Protein backbone atom coordinates (compact mmCIF):
# COMPACT_ATOMS: atom_id res chain seq x y z
CA UNK A 1 10.14 -235.47 -76.40
CA UNK A 2 8.76 -233.54 -79.13
CA UNK A 3 9.19 -234.80 -82.74
CA UNK A 4 11.76 -232.89 -84.56
CA UNK A 5 11.01 -231.25 -87.89
CA UNK A 6 13.43 -230.59 -90.38
CA UNK A 7 13.43 -227.11 -92.43
CA UNK A 8 13.39 -227.26 -96.28
CA UNK A 9 16.21 -226.36 -98.14
CA UNK A 10 14.58 -223.29 -99.09
CA UNK A 11 13.82 -222.18 -95.33
CA UNK A 12 17.41 -222.76 -94.19
CA UNK A 13 18.67 -220.86 -97.12
CA UNK A 14 16.28 -218.01 -96.19
CA UNK A 15 17.73 -218.31 -92.64
CA UNK A 16 21.36 -218.24 -93.67
CA UNK A 17 20.73 -215.36 -95.96
CA UNK A 18 18.88 -213.20 -93.37
CA UNK A 19 21.87 -213.84 -90.78
CA UNK A 20 24.44 -213.11 -93.53
CA UNK A 21 22.59 -209.68 -94.16
CA UNK A 22 21.98 -208.98 -90.56
CA UNK A 23 25.76 -209.67 -90.01
CA UNK A 24 26.76 -207.57 -92.75
CA UNK A 25 24.88 -204.79 -91.81
CA UNK A 26 26.27 -204.87 -88.29
CA UNK A 27 29.53 -204.92 -89.73
CA UNK A 28 28.89 -201.96 -91.79
CA UNK A 29 27.56 -199.91 -88.84
CA UNK A 30 30.54 -200.82 -87.02
CA UNK A 31 32.69 -199.56 -89.88
CA UNK A 32 30.49 -196.38 -90.25
CA UNK A 33 30.95 -195.51 -86.48
CA UNK A 34 34.49 -195.64 -86.65
CA UNK A 35 34.82 -193.55 -89.98
CA UNK A 36 32.50 -191.06 -88.06
CA UNK A 37 34.68 -191.16 -85.09
CA UNK A 38 37.62 -190.32 -87.45
CA UNK A 39 36.18 -187.68 -89.03
CA UNK A 40 34.59 -185.92 -86.13
CA UNK A 41 38.00 -185.83 -84.58
CA UNK A 42 39.53 -184.44 -87.84
CA UNK A 43 36.77 -181.77 -88.14
CA UNK A 44 37.28 -180.87 -84.24
CA UNK A 45 41.22 -180.42 -84.87
CA UNK A 46 40.47 -178.39 -88.12
CA UNK A 47 37.68 -176.21 -86.15
CA UNK A 48 40.32 -175.96 -83.01
CA UNK A 49 43.17 -174.68 -85.63
CA UNK A 50 40.56 -171.96 -87.10
CA UNK A 51 39.51 -170.71 -83.77
CA UNK A 52 43.33 -170.18 -82.62
CA UNK A 53 43.89 -168.56 -86.11
CA UNK A 54 40.94 -166.41 -85.54
CA UNK A 55 41.95 -165.34 -81.95
CA UNK A 56 45.66 -164.54 -83.50
CA UNK A 57 43.97 -162.32 -86.02
CA UNK A 58 41.77 -160.66 -83.53
CA UNK A 59 44.87 -159.83 -81.48
CA UNK A 60 46.58 -158.39 -84.48
CA UNK A 61 43.67 -156.49 -85.38
CA UNK A 62 43.37 -154.92 -81.92
CA UNK A 63 47.34 -154.05 -81.98
CA UNK A 64 46.75 -152.56 -85.27
CA UNK A 65 43.71 -150.36 -84.39
CA UNK A 66 45.31 -149.51 -80.88
CA UNK A 67 48.63 -148.26 -82.96
CA UNK A 68 46.63 -146.42 -85.48
CA UNK A 69 44.53 -144.82 -82.68
CA UNK A 70 47.77 -143.59 -80.89
CA UNK A 71 49.00 -142.30 -84.30
CA UNK A 72 45.86 -140.49 -85.60
CA UNK A 73 43.37 -140.26 -82.58
CA UNK A 74 39.76 -141.37 -82.48
CA UNK A 75 37.87 -141.49 -85.67
CA UNK A 76 36.31 -143.57 -88.23
CA UNK A 77 37.78 -145.30 -90.98
CA UNK A 78 35.90 -146.03 -94.46
CA UNK A 79 37.58 -149.24 -95.79
CA UNK A 80 36.10 -148.78 -99.06
CA UNK A 81 37.71 -145.33 -99.74
CA UNK A 82 40.59 -145.64 -97.54
CA UNK A 83 39.61 -142.33 -95.77
CA UNK A 84 40.02 -141.77 -91.94
CA UNK A 85 37.90 -139.02 -90.47
CA UNK A 86 39.10 -137.89 -87.24
CA UNK A 87 36.71 -137.33 -84.38
CA UNK A 88 36.06 -133.60 -83.52
CA UNK A 89 36.50 -132.93 -80.05
CA UNK A 90 33.54 -130.91 -78.38
CA UNK A 91 34.91 -127.68 -77.46
CA UNK A 92 32.68 -127.25 -74.46
CA UNK A 93 34.19 -130.02 -72.88
CA UNK A 94 37.56 -128.55 -73.09
CA UNK A 95 36.44 -125.33 -71.57
CA UNK A 96 34.80 -127.06 -68.27
């Protein structure tokens, strides 16, 4: 059997410190992973809410423009001036 060697107090302290530091890092990595997952879930929920709201607004927009198109016909709207310019129908198409 081989002779045993006893580490010095300083060497033992270095080993303990290293183990403690590694353990602390692993714990913090675990906590970070949990926090990251929680925040990602929150962000995904928020993103889904915004996408749903966007879909609702797009539907309202479509309904509004459809209603305005029925009332005023085809044309273009300038949001800066609030002026709607009806589209002039080509009279050659009507005569055909």
